[in-house]
Amino acid sequence: MQLLKNIIMIINYKYFFAKNISTIFSLGYLSKMPGTLGSIVGLIIGVILLKNFSFEVFIYIFLILLLISFFAVNEFQKKNGYIDKSEIIIDEFIGQLIPLIFININFVEIILSFILFRFFDIFKIFPANFIDKKFSNFFGVMFDDIIAGIQSSIVINRLLIWTFTNNSDNSLSIFI
């Protein structure tokens, strides 16, 4: 009997952990725009990490969070159904970290990374729309936002290359 209680307790803790990671400690339940909230949290934490740690440490933290997120969303969906529920916002958090990898940490580029990520996340341009429609499990939940992060990174990269060839201070100040 005690073994059964211990197993149930472990299962409940596993779900508790998965729910808190998937919803970023229940922030996903607070907003009418939970995806935007998840992106803002990702942006703030990402900038703090990049300002206080080396780039390599940031990448390690990102990869660890990515793996934990896959596990958490999978466990959360086991209990709540295999759909992309709006309260799952860890995917926006992870997706928003991706364009931060490719920018200088200044106000204009941070805001641009947020706007572009939200654009690609909301409009789901191919292949994100294919992933979103084809996969409703944790893979689909996570990868459409990873793709949106990559797409926004590509646009930012193109803008940076364009501005580097058109101004000398290597920033997006041309937009100010």
N, C-alpha and C. Protein backbone atom coordinates (compact mmCIF):
# COMPACT_ATOMS: atom_id res chain seq x y z
N MET A 1 0.82 -1.20 0.00
CA MET A 1 0.00 0.00 0.00
C MET A 1 0.87 1.27 0.00
N GLN A 2 1.93 1.26 0.80
CA GLN A 2 2.82 2.41 0.86
C GLN A 2 3.50 2.64 -0.49
N LEU A 3 3.86 1.56 -1.17
CA LEU A 3 4.48 1.67 -2.48
C LEU A 3 3.53 2.37 -3.46
N LEU A 4 2.26 2.00 -3.43
CA LEU A 4 1.27 2.63 -4.28
C LEU A 4 1.13 4.12 -3.97
N LYS A 5 1.13 4.47 -2.70
CA LYS A 5 1.07 5.89 -2.31
C LYS A 5 2.29 6.64 -2.81
N ASN A 6 3.45 6.02 -2.70
CA ASN A 6 4.69 6.66 -3.18
C ASN A 6 4.66 6.86 -4.70
N ILE A 7 4.15 5.87 -5.41
CA ILE A 7 4.06 5.99 -6.87
C ILE A 7 3.10 7.12 -7.25
N ILE A 8 1.96 7.18 -6.59
CA ILE A 8 0.99 8.25 -6.85
C ILE A 8 1.60 9.61 -6.53
N MET A 9 2.34 9.70 -5.44
CA MET A 9 2.98 10.96 -5.07
C MET A 9 4.00 11.38 -6.13
N ILE A 10 4.78 10.44 -6.64
CA ILE A 10 5.77 10.74 -7.68
C ILE A 10 5.06 11.21 -8.95
N ILE A 11 3.99 10.54 -9.32
CA ILE A 11 3.23 10.93 -10.51
C ILE A 11 2.67 12.34 -10.35
N ASN A 12 2.13 12.63 -9.16
CA ASN A 12 1.60 13.97 -8.92
C ASN A 12 2.68 15.03 -8.96
N TYR A 13 3.87 14.75 -8.42
CA TYR A 13 4.97 15.71 -8.49
C TYR A 13 5.44 15.91 -9.92
N LYS A 14 5.46 14.83 -10.68
CA LYS A 14 5.87 14.92 -12.07
C LYS A 14 4.91 15.84 -12.84
N TYR A 15 3.61 15.67 -12.62
CA TYR A 15 2.62 16.53 -13.28
C TYR A 15 2.72 17.97 -12.76
N PHE A 16 2.91 18.13 -11.46
CA PHE A 16 3.05 19.46 -10.87
C PHE A 16 4.22 20.20 -11.51
N PHE A 17 5.35 19.52 -11.66
CA PHE A 17 6.53 20.09 -12.31
C PHE A 17 6.21 20.45 -13.77
N ALA A 18 5.59 19.50 -14.49
CA ALA A 18 5.28 19.72 -15.91
C ALA A 18 4.32 20.88 -16.09
N LYS A 19 3.31 20.98 -15.24
CA LYS A 19 2.34 22.06 -15.34
C LYS A 19 3.01 23.41 -15.08
N ASN A 20 3.86 23.47 -14.07
CA ASN A 20 4.53 24.74 -13.74
C ASN A 20 5.51 25.17 -14.83
N ILE A 21 6.21 24.24 -15.43
CA ILE A 21 7.12 24.59 -16.52
C ILE A 21 6.31 24.98 -17.76
N SER A 22 5.32 24.17 -18.13
CA SER A 22 4.54 24.42 -19.35
C SER A 22 3.81 25.76 -19.31
N THR A 23 3.32 26.13 -18.15
CA THR A 23 2.55 27.38 -18.02
C THR A 23 3.39 28.51 -17.42
N ILE A 24 4.68 28.29 -17.29
CA ILE A 24 5.61 29.23 -16.65
C ILE A 24 5.02 29.68 -15.30
N PHE A 25 4.90 28.71 -14.42
CA PHE A 25 4.41 28.92 -13.06
C PHE A 25 3.04 29.59 -13.05
N SER A 26 2.16 29.08 -13.91
CA SER A 26 0.75 29.48 -14.04
C SER A 26 0.53 30.84 -14.69
N LEU A 27 1.56 31.47 -15.23
CA LEU A 27 1.36 32.73 -15.96
C LEU A 27 0.47 32.53 -17.18
N GLY A 28 0.48 31.35 -17.75
CA GLY A 28 -0.33 31.06 -18.92
C GLY A 28 -1.83 31.15 -18.66
N TYR A 29 -2.20 31.10 -17.39
CA TYR A 29 -3.62 31.20 -17.04
C TYR A 29 -4.07 32.64 -16.80
N LEU A 30 -3.13 33.58 -16.74
CA LEU A 30 -3.45 34.94 -16.30
C LEU A 30 -3.95 35.88 -17.38
N SER A 31 -3.58 35.67 -18.59
CA SER A 31 -3.74 36.70 -19.62
C SER A 31 -4.71 36.28 -20.71
N LYS A 32 -5.28 37.29 -21.37
CA LYS A 32 -6.04 37.02 -22.59
C LYS A 32 -5.09 36.82 -23.77
N MET A 33 -3.85 37.18 -23.59
CA MET A 33 -2.82 37.00 -24.60
C MET A 33 -1.64 36.24 -23.97
N PRO A 34 -1.86 34.97 -23.62
CA PRO A 34 -0.81 34.24 -22.90
C PRO A 34 0.47 34.05 -23.71
N GLY A 35 0.35 33.90 -25.04
CA GLY A 35 1.55 33.75 -25.86
C GLY A 35 2.43 34.98 -25.81
N THR A 36 1.81 36.14 -25.85
CA THR A 36 2.57 37.39 -25.74
C THR A 36 3.23 37.50 -24.38
N LEU A 37 2.51 37.10 -23.34
CA LEU A 37 3.09 37.12 -22.00
C LEU A 37 4.30 36.18 -21.90
N GLY A 38 4.17 34.98 -22.47
CA GLY A 38 5.29 34.05 -22.49
C GLY A 38 6.49 34.60 -23.23
N SER A 39 6.22 35.30 -24.34
CA SER A 39 7.31 35.92 -25.11
C SER A 39 7.98 37.03 -24.33
N ILE A 40 7.19 37.84 -23.62
CA ILE A 40 7.77 38.92 -22.82
C ILE A 40 8.64 38.37 -21.72
N VAL A 41 8.17 37.32 -21.05
CA VAL A 41 8.98 36.69 -19.99
C VAL A 41 10.26 36.13 -20.58
N GLY A 42 10.16 35.47 -21.74
CA GLY A 42 11.35 34.95 -22.41
C GLY A 42 12.33 36.04 -22.79
N LEU A 43 11.79 37.15 -23.27
CA LEU A 43 12.63 38.28 -23.66
C LEU A 43 13.38 38.85 -22.45
N ILE A 44 12.65 39.08 -21.37
CA ILE A 44 13.27 39.65 -20.16
C ILE A 44 14.33 38.72 -19.59
N ILE A 45 13.98 37.45 -19.42
CA ILE A 45 14.94 36.49 -18.86
C ILE A 45 16.12 36.29 -19.80
N GLY A 46 15.84 36.24 -21.10
CA GLY A 46 16.93 36.09 -22.07
C GLY A 46 17.91 37.24 -22.03
N VAL A 47 17.40 38.46 -21.96
CA VAL A 47 18.28 39.64 -21.90
C VAL A 47 19.08 39.62 -20.60
N ILE A 48 18.43 39.29 -19.49
CA ILE A 48 19.15 39.20 -18.20
C ILE A 48 20.27 38.16 -18.28
N LEU A 49 19.97 37.01 -18.87
CA LEU A 49 21.00 35.96 -18.99
C LEU A 49 22.16 36.43 -19.87
N LEU A 50 21.84 37.04 -21.01
CA LEU A 50 22.90 37.50 -21.91
C LEU A 50 23.73 38.63 -21.32
N LYS A 51 23.12 39.45 -20.49
CA LYS A 51 23.86 40.55 -19.85
C LYS A 51 24.77 40.05 -18.72
N ASN A 52 24.40 38.93 -18.08
CA ASN A 52 25.10 38.49 -16.87
C ASN A 52 25.94 37.24 -17.04
N PHE A 53 25.80 36.55 -18.17
CA PHE A 53 26.57 35.33 -18.40
C PHE A 53 27.21 35.39 -19.78
N SER A 54 28.17 34.52 -19.99
CA SER A 54 28.80 34.46 -21.30
C SER A 54 27.81 33.87 -22.31
N PHE A 55 28.10 34.08 -23.57
CA PHE A 55 27.26 33.54 -24.63
C PHE A 55 27.18 32.02 -24.54
N GLU A 56 28.29 31.37 -24.24
CA GLU A 56 28.32 29.91 -24.13
C GLU A 56 27.40 29.43 -23.02
N VAL A 57 27.42 30.09 -21.88
CA VAL A 57 26.55 29.72 -20.76
C VAL A 57 25.09 29.92 -21.18
N PHE A 58 24.80 31.00 -21.89
CA PHE A 58 23.44 31.24 -22.39
C PHE A 58 22.98 30.08 -23.27
N ILE A 59 23.83 29.62 -24.17
CA ILE A 59 23.48 28.51 -25.06
C ILE A 59 23.23 27.24 -24.25
N TYR A 60 24.07 26.95 -23.27
CA TYR A 60 23.86 25.77 -22.42
C TYR A 60 22.53 25.86 -21.67
N ILE A 61 22.25 27.02 -21.11
CA ILE A 61 20.98 27.21 -20.40
C ILE A 61 19.81 27.03 -21.36
N PHE A 62 19.92 27.60 -22.56
CA PHE A 62 18.87 27.45 -23.57
C PHE A 62 18.63 25.98 -23.89
N LEU A 63 19.69 25.22 -24.12
CA LEU A 63 19.54 23.80 -24.47
C LEU A 63 18.93 23.00 -23.33
N ILE A 64 19.32 23.29 -22.10
CA ILE A 64 18.73 22.61 -20.95
C ILE A 64 17.25 22.95 -20.82
N LEU A 65 16.91 24.23 -20.97
CA LEU A 65 15.50 24.64 -20.92
C LEU A 65 14.70 24.00 -22.05
N LEU A 66 15.30 23.89 -23.21
CA LEU A 66 14.62 23.27 -24.34
C LEU A 66 14.27 21.81 -24.03
N LEU A 67 15.23 21.06 -23.51
CA LEU A 67 14.98 19.66 -23.17
C LEU A 67 13.93 19.53 -22.07
N ILE A 68 14.04 20.35 -21.05
CA ILE A 68 13.06 20.33 -19.96
C ILE A 68 11.67 20.67 -20.50
N SER A 69 11.61 21.62 -21.42
CA SER A 69 10.33 22.04 -22.00
C SER A 69 9.65 20.91 -22.77
N PHE A 70 10.43 20.18 -23.56
CA PHE A 70 9.86 19.04 -24.28
C PHE A 70 9.24 18.04 -23.30
N PHE A 71 9.98 17.71 -22.26
CA PHE A 71 9.47 16.78 -21.25
C PHE A 71 8.21 17.34 -20.59
N ALA A 72 8.25 18.59 -20.18
CA ALA A 72 7.14 19.20 -19.44
C ALA A 72 5.87 19.27 -20.29
N VAL A 73 5.99 19.71 -21.53
CA VAL A 73 4.81 19.81 -22.39
C VAL A 73 4.23 18.42 -22.65
N ASN A 74 5.09 17.45 -22.87
CA ASN A 74 4.62 16.08 -23.09
C ASN A 74 3.84 15.58 -21.87
N GLU A 75 4.38 15.77 -20.68
CA GLU A 75 3.70 15.33 -19.46
C GLU A 75 2.40 16.11 -19.23
N PHE A 76 2.42 17.40 -19.47
CA PHE A 76 1.22 18.23 -19.30
C PHE A 76 0.11 17.76 -20.25
N GLN A 77 0.50 17.46 -21.50
CA GLN A 77 -0.49 17.02 -22.48
C GLN A 77 -1.04 15.64 -22.18
N LYS A 78 -0.26 14.78 -21.55
CA LYS A 78 -0.76 13.45 -21.19
C LYS A 78 -2.01 13.55 -20.32
N LYS A 79 -2.06 14.55 -19.48
CA LYS A 79 -3.19 14.70 -18.57
C LYS A 79 -4.27 15.62 -19.14
N ASN A 80 -3.90 16.55 -20.01
CA ASN A 80 -4.84 17.59 -20.47
C ASN A 80 -5.22 17.48 -21.95
N GLY A 81 -4.72 16.49 -22.64
CA GLY A 81 -5.04 16.33 -24.05
C GLY A 81 -3.94 16.84 -24.96
N TYR A 82 -3.84 16.18 -26.10
CA TYR A 82 -2.76 16.49 -27.03
C TYR A 82 -3.17 17.58 -28.02
N ILE A 83 -3.37 18.77 -27.48
CA ILE A 83 -3.61 19.96 -28.29
C ILE A 83 -2.72 21.08 -27.76
N ASP A 84 -2.59 22.11 -28.56
CA ASP A 84 -1.77 23.26 -28.16
C ASP A 84 -2.64 24.19 -27.33
N LYS A 85 -2.78 23.89 -26.06
CA LYS A 85 -3.60 24.70 -25.16
C LYS A 85 -2.96 26.07 -24.98
N SER A 86 -3.79 27.09 -24.88
CA SER A 86 -3.28 28.46 -24.80
C SER A 86 -2.47 28.70 -23.53
N GLU A 87 -2.74 27.96 -22.47
CA GLU A 87 -1.98 28.17 -21.24
C GLU A 87 -0.55 27.63 -21.31
N ILE A 88 -0.26 26.81 -22.31
CA ILE A 88 1.12 26.35 -22.51
C ILE A 88 1.88 27.49 -23.16
N ILE A 89 2.76 28.14 -22.40
CA ILE A 89 3.49 29.30 -22.94
C ILE A 89 5.00 29.11 -22.90
N ILE A 90 5.45 27.96 -22.44
CA ILE A 90 6.90 27.72 -22.45
C ILE A 90 7.43 27.69 -23.88
N ASP A 91 6.58 27.33 -24.84
CA ASP A 91 7.01 27.32 -26.24
C ASP A 91 7.32 28.72 -26.75
N GLU A 92 6.50 29.70 -26.35
CA GLU A 92 6.79 31.10 -26.72
C GLU A 92 8.05 31.58 -26.01
N PHE A 93 8.21 31.20 -24.77
CA PHE A 93 9.40 31.56 -24.00
C PHE A 93 10.66 31.07 -24.74
N ILE A 94 10.67 29.79 -25.11
CA ILE A 94 11.82 29.19 -25.80
C ILE A 94 12.01 29.84 -27.17
N GLY A 95 10.92 29.99 -27.92
CA GLY A 95 11.01 30.59 -29.25
C GLY A 95 11.57 32.00 -29.22
N GLN A 96 11.19 32.77 -28.19
CA GLN A 96 11.67 34.16 -28.08
C GLN A 96 13.16 34.21 -27.76
N LEU A 97 13.70 33.20 -27.13
CA LEU A 97 15.13 33.19 -26.83
C LEU A 97 15.99 33.07 -28.09
N ILE A 98 15.45 32.42 -29.11
CA ILE A 98 16.25 32.14 -30.32
C ILE A 98 16.72 33.42 -31.01
N PRO A 99 15.87 34.41 -31.30
CA PRO A 99 16.41 35.60 -31.97
C PRO A 99 17.38 36.39 -31.10
N LEU A 100 17.30 36.24 -29.78
CA LEU A 100 18.25 36.95 -28.92
C LEU A 100 19.68 36.50 -29.17
N ILE A 101 19.84 35.29 -29.67
CA ILE A 101 21.17 34.76 -29.97
C ILE A 101 21.86 35.60 -31.04
N PHE A 102 21.08 36.19 -31.93
CA PHE A 102 21.64 36.83 -33.12
C PHE A 102 21.64 38.35 -33.10
N ILE A 103 21.37 38.95 -31.95
CA ILE A 103 21.30 40.41 -31.90
C ILE A 103 22.32 40.98 -30.93
N ASN A 104 22.55 42.27 -31.08
CA ASN A 104 23.25 43.03 -30.06
C ASN A 104 22.21 43.37 -29.00
N ILE A 105 22.61 43.36 -27.76
CA ILE A 105 21.65 43.65 -26.70
C ILE A 105 21.53 45.17 -26.56
N ASN A 106 20.68 45.75 -27.39
CA ASN A 106 20.33 47.16 -27.29
C ASN A 106 18.82 47.28 -27.51
N PHE A 107 18.26 48.39 -27.12
CA PHE A 107 16.81 48.56 -27.08
C PHE A 107 16.14 48.26 -28.42
N VAL A 108 16.65 48.83 -29.49
CA VAL A 108 16.02 48.68 -30.81
C VAL A 108 16.01 47.22 -31.25
N GLU A 109 17.13 46.55 -31.11
CA GLU A 109 17.21 45.17 -31.57
C GLU A 109 16.42 44.21 -30.67
N ILE A 110 16.33 44.50 -29.39
CA ILE A 110 15.51 43.69 -28.49
C ILE A 110 14.04 43.82 -28.88
N ILE A 111 13.57 45.04 -29.09
CA ILE A 111 12.17 45.26 -29.49
C ILE A 111 11.90 44.64 -30.86
N LEU A 112 12.83 44.79 -31.78
CA LEU A 112 12.68 44.19 -33.10
C LEU A 112 12.58 42.66 -33.00
N SER A 113 13.40 42.05 -32.16
CA SER A 113 13.33 40.59 -32.01
C SER A 113 11.98 40.16 -31.45
N PHE A 114 11.44 40.94 -30.52
CA PHE A 114 10.12 40.63 -29.97
C PHE A 114 9.03 40.76 -31.03
N ILE A 115 9.03 41.86 -31.75
CA ILE A 115 7.99 42.11 -32.77
C ILE A 115 8.05 41.04 -33.86
N LEU A 116 9.24 40.75 -34.34
CA LEU A 116 9.37 39.75 -35.41
C LEU A 116 8.98 38.36 -34.92
N PHE A 117 9.40 38.00 -33.71
CA PHE A 117 9.02 36.69 -33.20
C PHE A 117 7.50 36.58 -33.08
N ARG A 118 6.86 37.60 -32.51
CA ARG A 118 5.40 37.54 -32.36
C ARG A 118 4.72 37.48 -33.73
N PHE A 119 5.24 38.23 -34.70
CA PHE A 119 4.68 38.18 -36.07
C PHE A 119 4.72 36.75 -36.60
N PHE A 120 5.90 36.14 -36.59
CA PHE A 120 6.04 34.79 -37.13
C PHE A 120 5.28 33.76 -36.30
N ASP A 121 5.19 33.96 -35.00
CA ASP A 121 4.46 33.03 -34.15
C ASP A 121 2.95 33.11 -34.41
N ILE A 122 2.43 34.30 -34.59
CA ILE A 122 0.99 34.49 -34.81
C ILE A 122 0.58 34.04 -36.22
N PHE A 123 1.33 34.44 -37.22
CA PHE A 123 0.93 34.16 -38.60
C PHE A 123 1.39 32.80 -39.11
N LYS A 124 2.30 32.17 -38.41
CA LYS A 124 2.74 30.80 -38.72
C LYS A 124 2.98 30.58 -40.21
N ILE A 125 4.02 31.21 -40.70
CA ILE A 125 4.42 31.09 -42.09
C ILE A 125 5.14 29.76 -42.28
N PHE A 126 4.95 29.14 -43.44
CA PHE A 126 5.54 27.82 -43.72
C PHE A 126 7.03 27.81 -43.35
N PRO A 127 7.50 26.80 -42.71
CA PRO A 127 6.92 25.51 -42.37
C PRO A 127 6.21 25.45 -41.01
N ALA A 128 6.16 26.57 -40.29
CA ALA A 128 5.52 26.56 -38.96
C ALA A 128 4.05 26.16 -39.05
N ASN A 129 3.34 26.64 -40.08
CA ASN A 129 1.93 26.29 -40.22
C ASN A 129 1.75 24.80 -40.48
N PHE A 130 2.64 24.19 -41.22
CA PHE A 130 2.59 22.75 -41.48
C PHE A 130 2.78 21.97 -40.17
N ILE A 131 3.79 22.34 -39.41
CA ILE A 131 4.06 21.68 -38.12
C ILE A 131 2.87 21.86 -37.19
N ASP A 132 2.33 23.08 -37.13
CA ASP A 132 1.21 23.38 -36.24
C ASP A 132 -0.02 22.53 -36.57
N LYS A 133 -0.29 22.33 -37.86
CA LYS A 133 -1.47 21.55 -38.27
C LYS A 133 -1.23 20.05 -38.21
N LYS A 134 -0.02 19.63 -38.50
CA LYS A 134 0.28 18.19 -38.61
C LYS A 134 0.49 17.53 -37.25
N PHE A 135 1.07 18.26 -36.31
CA PHE A 135 1.43 17.68 -35.02
C PHE A 135 0.75 18.45 -33.88
N SER A 136 -0.09 17.78 -33.12
CA SER A 136 -0.73 18.45 -31.98
C SER A 136 -0.08 18.05 -30.66
N ASN A 137 0.90 17.17 -30.73
CA ASN A 137 1.59 16.74 -29.51
C ASN A 137 2.67 17.75 -29.13
N PHE A 138 3.50 17.37 -28.17
CA PHE A 138 4.55 18.28 -27.68
C PHE A 138 5.47 18.73 -28.80
N PHE A 139 5.72 17.86 -29.78
CA PHE A 139 6.58 18.21 -30.90
C PHE A 139 6.01 19.41 -31.65
N GLY A 140 4.73 19.35 -31.98
CA GLY A 140 4.09 20.45 -32.70
C GLY A 140 4.00 21.71 -31.87
N VAL A 141 3.68 21.55 -30.58
CA VAL A 141 3.57 22.71 -29.69
C VAL A 141 4.90 23.46 -29.64
N MET A 142 5.98 22.73 -29.51
CA MET A 142 7.29 23.37 -29.36
C MET A 142 7.88 23.83 -30.70
N PHE A 143 7.77 23.00 -31.73
CA PHE A 143 8.52 23.28 -32.95
C PHE A 143 7.95 24.41 -33.79
N ASP A 144 6.65 24.68 -33.73
CA ASP A 144 6.17 25.83 -34.51
C ASP A 144 6.76 27.12 -33.95
N ASP A 145 6.99 27.18 -32.63
CA ASP A 145 7.61 28.37 -32.04
C ASP A 145 9.11 28.40 -32.26
N ILE A 146 9.74 27.25 -32.28
CA ILE A 146 11.17 27.20 -32.62
C ILE A 146 11.37 27.70 -34.05
N ILE A 147 10.51 27.26 -34.95
CA ILE A 147 10.59 27.73 -36.34
C ILE A 147 10.35 29.24 -36.42
N ALA A 148 9.36 29.75 -35.67
CA ALA A 148 9.11 31.20 -35.65
C ALA A 148 10.34 31.94 -35.14
N GLY A 149 11.02 31.38 -34.14
CA GLY A 149 12.25 31.99 -33.64
C GLY A 149 13.35 31.99 -34.69
N ILE A 150 13.46 30.91 -35.43
CA ILE A 150 14.46 30.83 -36.50
C ILE A 150 14.11 31.81 -37.62
N GLN A 151 12.83 31.87 -38.00
CA GLN A 151 12.42 32.81 -39.06
C GLN A 151 12.69 34.25 -38.66
N SER A 152 12.37 34.60 -37.42
CA SER A 152 12.65 35.97 -36.99
C SER A 152 14.15 36.23 -36.94
N SER A 153 14.93 35.22 -36.58
CA SER A 153 16.39 35.36 -36.57
C SER A 153 16.94 35.61 -37.97
N ILE A 154 16.38 34.93 -38.96
CA ILE A 154 16.81 35.13 -40.35
C ILE A 154 16.53 36.57 -40.79
N VAL A 155 15.34 37.06 -40.48
CA VAL A 155 15.00 38.44 -40.86
C VAL A 155 15.91 39.43 -40.15
N ILE A 156 16.13 39.22 -38.85
CA ILE A 156 17.04 40.10 -38.10
C ILE A 156 18.43 40.07 -38.70
N ASN A 157 18.91 38.88 -39.02
CA ASN A 157 20.24 38.73 -39.62
C ASN A 157 20.33 39.49 -40.93
N ARG A 158 19.31 39.39 -41.77
CA ARG A 158 19.30 40.12 -43.05
C ARG A 158 19.29 41.62 -42.80
N LEU A 159 18.50 42.08 -41.83
CA LEU A 159 18.47 43.51 -41.51
C LEU A 159 19.82 43.99 -41.00
N LEU A 160 20.46 43.19 -40.16
CA LEU A 160 21.77 43.58 -39.63
C LEU A 160 22.81 43.66 -40.73
N ILE A 161 22.80 42.69 -41.64
CA ILE A 161 23.74 42.72 -42.77
C ILE A 161 23.48 43.96 -43.63
N TRP A 162 22.21 44.25 -43.88
CA TRP A 162 21.86 45.41 -44.67
C TRP A 162 22.31 46.70 -43.99
N THR A 163 22.09 46.82 -42.67
CA THR A 163 22.49 48.04 -41.98
C THR A 163 24.00 48.13 -41.83
N PHE A 164 24.69 46.99 -41.69
CA PHE A 164 26.15 47.02 -41.59
C PHE A 164 26.77 47.57 -42.86
N THR A 165 26.14 47.27 -43.98
CA THR A 165 26.69 47.77 -45.25
C THR A 165 26.27 49.20 -45.52
N ASN A 166 25.31 49.73 -44.73
CA ASN A 166 24.80 51.08 -44.97
C ASN A 166 25.12 52.08 -43.87
N ASN A 167 25.69 51.63 -42.75
CA ASN A 167 26.15 52.58 -41.73
C ASN A 167 27.38 52.02 -41.05
N SER A 168 28.08 52.85 -40.35
CA SER A 168 29.39 52.45 -39.83
C SER A 168 29.38 52.00 -38.38
N ASP A 169 28.31 52.22 -37.62
CA ASP A 169 28.38 51.86 -36.20
C ASP A 169 27.81 50.47 -35.91
N ASN A 170 27.49 49.70 -36.95
CA ASN A 170 27.07 48.30 -36.79
C ASN A 170 25.88 48.11 -35.87
N SER A 171 24.87 48.95 -36.01
CA SER A 171 23.66 48.77 -35.23
C SER A 171 22.46 49.09 -36.10
N LEU A 172 21.31 48.85 -35.56
CA LEU A 172 20.07 49.15 -36.30
C LEU A 172 19.63 50.58 -36.06
N SER A 173 20.56 51.47 -35.79
CA SER A 173 20.21 52.87 -35.52
C SER A 173 19.59 53.54 -36.73
N ILE A 174 19.71 52.92 -37.88
CA ILE A 174 19.09 53.49 -39.07
C ILE A 174 17.57 53.56 -38.92
N PHE A 175 16.99 52.74 -38.01
CA PHE A 175 15.56 52.73 -37.79
C PHE A 175 15.09 53.74 -36.74
N ILE A 176 16.00 54.39 -36.06
CA ILE A 176 15.61 55.33 -34.99
C ILE A 176 15.33 56.69 -35.58
